[in-house]
Amino acid sequence: MLKLKKGMSRGLIYFIEIFVIVISIFPILWVIMSAFKTNGEILSSPLALPSSLSLDTFAHLFENYNFPRYFLNSLLAAGVSTVVSLLFYAMGGYVLAKYKFPGRTLLFTLFTVTLLVPAHSKTQPIFNLIMELGLYDKLAGVTLVYLSTGMAMSVFILRAGFLLIPKSLDEAAIVDGAGFLRIFWSINLPLAKGALATAGILMFLSNWNEYYFASLLTMSDSQRTLPVALSYFTSEFSYNYTQLFAALTIVVLPGIILYIFAQEQVQTSMASTGIKG
């Protein structure tokens, strides 16, 4: 009887897991699958497999629209902001984890509390700052805003990653004559690669998919990122579902590929920091 109950419980757990996976992945797979169909196939048999796998629709988007520019804008804004901010946030997380100084707990608490502040509530000061700096309708302005996004979460993850590194390694390096930068760069940073990967991927995906500030701070076609451009294509492709789904695929696929390659690092780091996703 006990074995039967355990079997039923395990079966229920597996059923719930499979159900969650299906409802999470199915919309993405359906969009990607529909990008290879014709309008007639999408309307007549939306759940059927495409009759052929042709990249003509994707080629059409890149040849007839400014998709290469939008893609490059998103890559530059998300990539540059992630790399630069990751370096600074790693320094902040390292100091908060390894050094004791007055106000350390208060400072970390303030970082954490900013997680509760809605991004839209910062619209007015951010907009005024970008205008004062003369960066409106420039990709540099969007990149500057992205530098600050994910700060609280990144510092939280990186601090936890550095706390896992034994202090004995730092003490041994100090005895050997290593300075602050050498200890941080050569010892702690390589050992915190899991936390770095997690924070970096979360920041990159957040910035890659960000729409609100990119639409607020840009106006010309040459400065648009993919999510902003996609909003314009939605009305333009309202009767061409194939091109609409192809455009959606171009937006979501890079993030999925990036996560697939780094999922082990992300899961390990999140488990060590106690974050559940």
Protein backbone atom coordinates (compact mmCIF):
# COMPACT_ATOMS: atom_id res chain seq x y z
CA MET A 1 0.00 0.00 0.00
CA LEU A 2 2.84 2.36 0.90
CA LYS A 3 4.60 1.60 -2.38
CA LEU A 4 1.37 2.26 -4.27
CA LYS A 5 1.00 5.67 -2.60
CA LYS A 6 4.62 6.55 -3.39
CA GLY A 7 4.09 5.46 -7.00
CA MET A 8 0.95 7.57 -7.32
CA SER A 9 2.69 10.59 -5.76
CA ARG A 10 5.64 10.21 -8.12
CA GLY A 11 3.30 9.82 -11.08
CA LEU A 12 1.42 12.98 -10.08
CA ILE A 13 4.70 14.89 -9.80
CA TYR A 14 5.80 13.71 -13.25
CA PHE A 15 2.42 14.64 -14.71
CA ILE A 16 2.59 18.16 -13.27
CA GLU A 17 6.18 18.60 -14.50
CA ILE A 18 5.30 17.43 -18.01
CA PHE A 19 2.20 19.66 -18.05
CA VAL A 20 4.22 22.74 -17.01
CA ILE A 21 6.92 21.99 -19.60
CA VAL A 22 4.36 21.56 -22.37
CA ILE A 23 2.45 24.79 -21.67
CA SER A 24 5.76 26.67 -21.35
CA ILE A 25 7.44 25.39 -24.51
CA PHE A 26 4.45 24.89 -26.82
CA PRO A 27 3.81 28.60 -27.64
CA ILE A 28 7.47 29.11 -28.58
CA LEU A 29 7.57 25.97 -30.71
CA TRP A 30 4.30 26.94 -32.38
CA VAL A 31 5.65 30.39 -33.33
CA ILE A 32 8.87 28.91 -34.75
CA MET A 33 6.93 26.20 -36.60
CA SER A 34 4.48 28.75 -38.04
CA ALA A 35 7.37 30.81 -39.45
CA PHE A 36 7.89 28.02 -42.00
CA LYS A 37 4.23 27.82 -43.05
CA THR A 38 2.22 29.78 -45.56
CA ASN A 39 -0.71 31.97 -44.51
CA GLY A 40 -3.10 29.32 -45.79
CA GLU A 41 -1.46 26.57 -43.77
CA ILE A 42 -1.53 28.67 -40.59
CA LEU A 43 -5.23 29.49 -40.99
CA SER A 44 -6.40 26.05 -42.14
CA SER A 45 -4.27 23.80 -39.89
CA PRO A 46 -2.52 25.85 -37.21
CA LEU A 47 -1.28 22.80 -35.26
CA ALA A 48 -0.02 20.80 -38.23
CA LEU A 49 3.65 20.58 -39.20
CA PRO A 50 4.84 22.80 -42.08
CA SER A 51 4.82 21.15 -45.52
CA SER A 52 8.39 22.35 -46.21
CA LEU A 53 11.32 23.92 -44.37
CA SER A 54 12.34 27.01 -46.32
CA LEU A 55 14.32 30.02 -45.10
CA ASP A 56 12.89 32.28 -47.82
CA THR A 57 10.73 34.20 -45.33
CA PHE A 58 13.71 35.00 -43.10
CA ALA A 59 15.78 35.99 -46.14
CA HIS A 60 12.93 38.27 -47.26
CA LEU A 61 12.91 40.05 -43.89
CA PHE A 62 16.65 40.73 -43.97
CA GLU A 63 16.63 41.77 -47.63
CA ASN A 64 13.57 44.03 -47.68
CA TYR A 65 13.52 45.43 -44.17
CA ASN A 66 16.15 46.90 -41.88
CA PHE A 67 16.39 43.75 -39.77
CA PRO A 68 20.20 43.53 -39.86
CA ARG A 69 20.35 47.02 -38.33
CA TYR A 70 17.73 46.22 -35.68
CA PHE A 71 19.53 43.00 -34.81
CA LEU A 72 22.88 44.79 -34.54
CA ASN A 73 21.35 47.55 -32.39
CA SER A 74 19.90 45.00 -29.97
CA LEU A 75 23.17 43.07 -29.88
CA LEU A 76 25.24 46.19 -29.19
CA ALA A 77 22.87 47.64 -26.58
CA ALA A 78 22.41 44.34 -24.73
CA GLY A 79 25.94 43.03 -25.18
CA VAL A 80 27.95 46.15 -24.33
CA SER A 81 25.78 47.02 -21.33
CA THR A 82 26.01 43.46 -20.01
CA VAL A 83 29.80 43.19 -20.29
CA VAL A 84 30.53 46.61 -18.79
CA SER A 85 27.96 46.37 -15.98
CA LEU A 86 29.03 42.82 -15.15
CA LEU A 87 32.57 44.00 -14.45
CA PHE A 88 31.40 46.77 -12.10
CA TYR A 89 28.78 44.64 -10.38
CA ALA A 90 31.36 41.89 -9.85
CA MET A 91 33.57 44.41 -8.06
CA GLY A 92 30.63 45.51 -5.91
CA GLY A 93 29.60 41.95 -5.09
CA TYR A 94 33.20 41.05 -4.25
CA VAL A 95 33.62 43.93 -1.80
CA LEU A 96 30.26 43.24 -0.14
CA ALA A 97 31.17 39.57 0.25
CA LYS A 98 34.80 39.79 1.35
CA TYR A 99 35.25 43.04 3.27
CA LYS A 100 33.69 44.22 6.50
CA PHE A 101 33.08 47.96 6.74
CA PRO A 102 30.53 50.23 8.46
CA GLY A 103 27.21 50.26 6.63
CA ARG A 104 27.89 47.12 4.59
CA THR A 105 24.62 45.46 5.60
CA LEU A 106 22.66 48.66 5.02
CA LEU A 107 24.21 49.10 1.58
CA PHE A 108 23.39 45.55 0.55
CA THR A 109 19.84 45.97 1.89
CA LEU A 110 19.39 49.10 -0.22
CA PHE A 111 20.56 47.19 -3.30
CA THR A 112 18.06 44.43 -2.54
CA VAL A 113 15.18 46.81 -1.85
CA THR A 114 15.49 48.28 -5.35
CA LEU A 115 14.13 44.96 -6.62
CA LEU A 116 10.76 46.14 -5.32
CA VAL A 117 10.84 49.42 -7.29
CA PRO A 118 8.92 49.22 -10.60
CA ALA A 119 11.05 50.19 -13.60
CA HIS A 120 8.33 52.50 -14.94
CA SER A 121 8.46 54.62 -11.79
CA LYS A 122 11.94 55.74 -12.85
CA THR A 123 10.77 56.96 -16.26
CA GLN A 124 10.83 60.71 -15.57
CA PRO A 125 14.32 60.98 -14.01
CA ILE A 126 15.81 58.65 -16.63
CA PHE A 127 14.20 60.57 -19.49
CA ASN A 128 15.39 63.92 -18.10
CA LEU A 129 18.91 62.58 -17.62
CA ILE A 130 19.12 61.25 -21.18
CA MET A 131 17.84 64.57 -22.55
CA GLU A 132 20.36 66.56 -20.47
CA LEU A 133 23.19 64.36 -21.74
CA GLY A 134 22.08 64.84 -25.34
CA LEU A 135 21.63 61.10 -25.85
CA TYR A 136 17.98 61.06 -26.91
CA ASP A 137 17.39 58.98 -30.05
CA LYS A 138 20.87 57.52 -29.77
CA LEU A 139 21.76 53.91 -29.12
CA ALA A 140 24.30 55.09 -26.53
CA GLY A 141 21.44 56.46 -24.42
CA VAL A 142 19.60 53.14 -24.45
CA THR A 143 22.85 51.32 -23.61
CA LEU A 144 23.47 53.68 -20.70
CA VAL A 145 20.04 52.91 -19.26
CA TYR A 146 20.63 49.19 -19.70
CA LEU A 147 23.84 49.50 -17.67
CA SER A 148 21.73 50.06 -14.56
CA THR A 149 19.08 47.41 -15.18
CA GLY A 150 19.54 44.21 -13.27
CA MET A 151 21.88 45.87 -10.78
CA ALA A 152 20.17 44.60 -7.64
CA MET A 153 19.72 41.03 -8.86
CA SER A 154 23.27 40.88 -10.24
CA VAL A 155 24.88 42.16 -7.03
CA PHE A 156 22.78 39.69 -5.04
CA ILE A 157 23.89 36.74 -7.22
CA LEU A 158 27.54 37.81 -7.44
CA ARG A 159 27.84 38.45 -3.72
CA ALA A 160 26.54 34.94 -3.02
CA GLY A 161 29.00 33.54 -5.55
CA PHE A 162 31.99 35.25 -3.94
CA LEU A 163 30.86 34.14 -0.46
CA LEU A 164 31.30 30.52 -1.57
CA ILE A 165 35.01 31.09 -2.28
CA PRO A 166 37.12 30.26 0.83
CA LYS A 167 38.80 33.25 2.44
CA SER A 168 41.87 31.09 2.98
CA LEU A 169 42.67 31.56 -0.72
CA ASP A 170 42.69 35.33 -0.28
CA GLU A 171 44.82 35.07 2.84
CA ALA A 172 47.33 32.81 1.08
CA ALA A 173 47.53 35.28 -1.81
CA ILE A 174 48.13 38.17 0.59
CA VAL A 175 50.98 36.24 2.20
CA ASP A 176 52.49 35.77 -1.26
CA GLY A 177 52.34 39.53 -1.81
CA ALA A 178 49.29 39.77 -4.07
CA GLY A 179 47.37 43.05 -4.02
CA PHE A 180 43.65 43.78 -4.17
CA LEU A 181 43.34 43.71 -7.96
CA ARG A 182 45.42 40.55 -8.31
CA ILE A 183 43.35 38.71 -5.71
CA PHE A 184 40.11 39.84 -7.32
CA TRP A 185 41.07 39.32 -10.95
CA SER A 186 43.24 36.20 -10.81
CA ILE A 187 41.72 34.24 -7.93
CA ASN A 188 38.14 35.20 -7.12
CA LEU A 189 36.81 36.12 -10.56
CA PRO A 190 37.65 32.76 -12.23
CA LEU A 191 36.21 30.83 -9.28
CA ALA A 192 32.95 32.82 -9.48
CA LYS A 193 32.30 31.97 -13.14
CA GLY A 194 28.97 30.32 -12.30
CA ALA A 195 27.63 33.46 -10.65
CA LEU A 196 29.09 35.59 -13.46
CA ALA A 197 27.37 33.44 -16.09
CA THR A 198 24.05 33.61 -14.27
CA ALA A 199 24.13 37.37 -13.75
CA GLY A 200 25.37 37.99 -17.27
CA ILE A 201 22.71 35.85 -18.95
CA LEU A 202 19.90 37.34 -16.88
CA MET A 203 21.07 40.86 -17.70
CA PHE A 204 21.57 40.12 -21.40
CA LEU A 205 18.16 38.49 -21.82
CA SER A 206 16.46 41.29 -19.92
CA ASN A 207 18.14 43.95 -22.06
CA TRP A 208 17.65 41.99 -25.29
CA ASN A 209 13.88 41.75 -24.72
CA GLU A 210 13.46 45.23 -23.21
CA TYR A 211 10.88 47.35 -25.00
CA TYR A 212 9.74 50.20 -22.76
CA PHE A 213 12.87 52.35 -22.50
CA ALA A 214 14.03 51.47 -26.01
CA SER A 215 10.76 52.83 -27.42
CA LEU A 216 10.79 55.83 -25.08
CA LEU A 217 14.36 56.94 -25.82
CA THR A 218 14.51 56.31 -29.59
CA MET A 219 12.56 57.75 -32.46
CA SER A 220 14.39 57.17 -35.75
CA ASP A 221 14.34 53.87 -37.61
CA SER A 222 18.14 53.51 -37.49
CA GLN A 223 18.18 53.48 -33.68
CA ARG A 224 15.44 50.92 -33.10
CA THR A 225 16.10 47.63 -31.37
CA LEU A 226 14.36 44.39 -32.34
CA PRO A 227 11.50 44.55 -29.77
CA VAL A 228 10.67 48.13 -30.82
CA ALA A 229 10.85 47.30 -34.51
CA LEU A 230 8.64 44.28 -33.93
CA SER A 231 5.84 46.45 -32.60
CA TYR A 232 5.76 48.31 -35.93
CA PHE A 233 5.87 45.10 -37.92
CA THR A 234 2.89 43.74 -36.00
CA SER A 235 0.55 46.12 -37.81
CA GLU A 236 2.45 45.89 -41.10
CA PHE A 237 2.33 42.09 -41.07
CA SER A 238 -1.18 41.87 -39.65
CA TYR A 239 -2.30 39.92 -42.73
CA ASN A 240 1.02 38.15 -43.32
CA TYR A 241 1.29 35.77 -40.41
CA THR A 242 4.29 33.96 -41.88
CA GLN A 243 6.49 37.06 -41.82
CA LEU A 244 5.14 38.07 -38.43
CA PHE A 245 6.07 34.72 -36.88
CA ALA A 246 9.45 34.80 -38.64
CA ALA A 247 10.14 38.19 -37.08
CA LEU A 248 9.11 36.87 -33.66
CA THR A 249 11.44 33.89 -34.12
CA ILE A 250 14.38 36.20 -34.85
CA VAL A 251 13.69 38.02 -31.57
CA VAL A 252 13.29 35.01 -29.25
CA LEU A 253 15.72 32.50 -30.74
CA PRO A 254 19.06 34.14 -29.70
CA GLY A 255 18.04 34.18 -26.04
CA ILE A 256 16.96 30.54 -26.15
CA ILE A 257 20.25 29.47 -27.77
CA LEU A 258 22.28 31.47 -25.24
CA TYR A 259 20.48 29.88 -22.31
CA ILE A 260 20.85 26.36 -23.73
CA PHE A 261 24.63 26.72 -23.84
CA ALA A 262 24.87 28.15 -20.32
CA GLN A 263 21.97 26.46 -18.52
CA GLU A 264 24.22 24.26 -16.37
CA GLN A 265 26.12 27.26 -15.02
CA VAL A 266 22.88 29.17 -14.39
CA GLN A 267 21.16 26.31 -12.57
CA THR A 268 24.21 25.61 -10.40
CA SER A 269 24.59 29.24 -9.44
CA MET A 270 20.90 29.72 -8.69
CA ALA A 271 20.92 26.63 -6.48
CA SER A 272 23.88 28.02 -4.52
CA THR A 273 22.23 31.43 -4.05
CA GLY A 274 18.86 30.00 -3.07
CA ILE A 275 17.02 31.55 -6.03
CA LYS A 276 14.32 29.43 -7.55
CA GLY A 277 13.33 29.97 -11.15
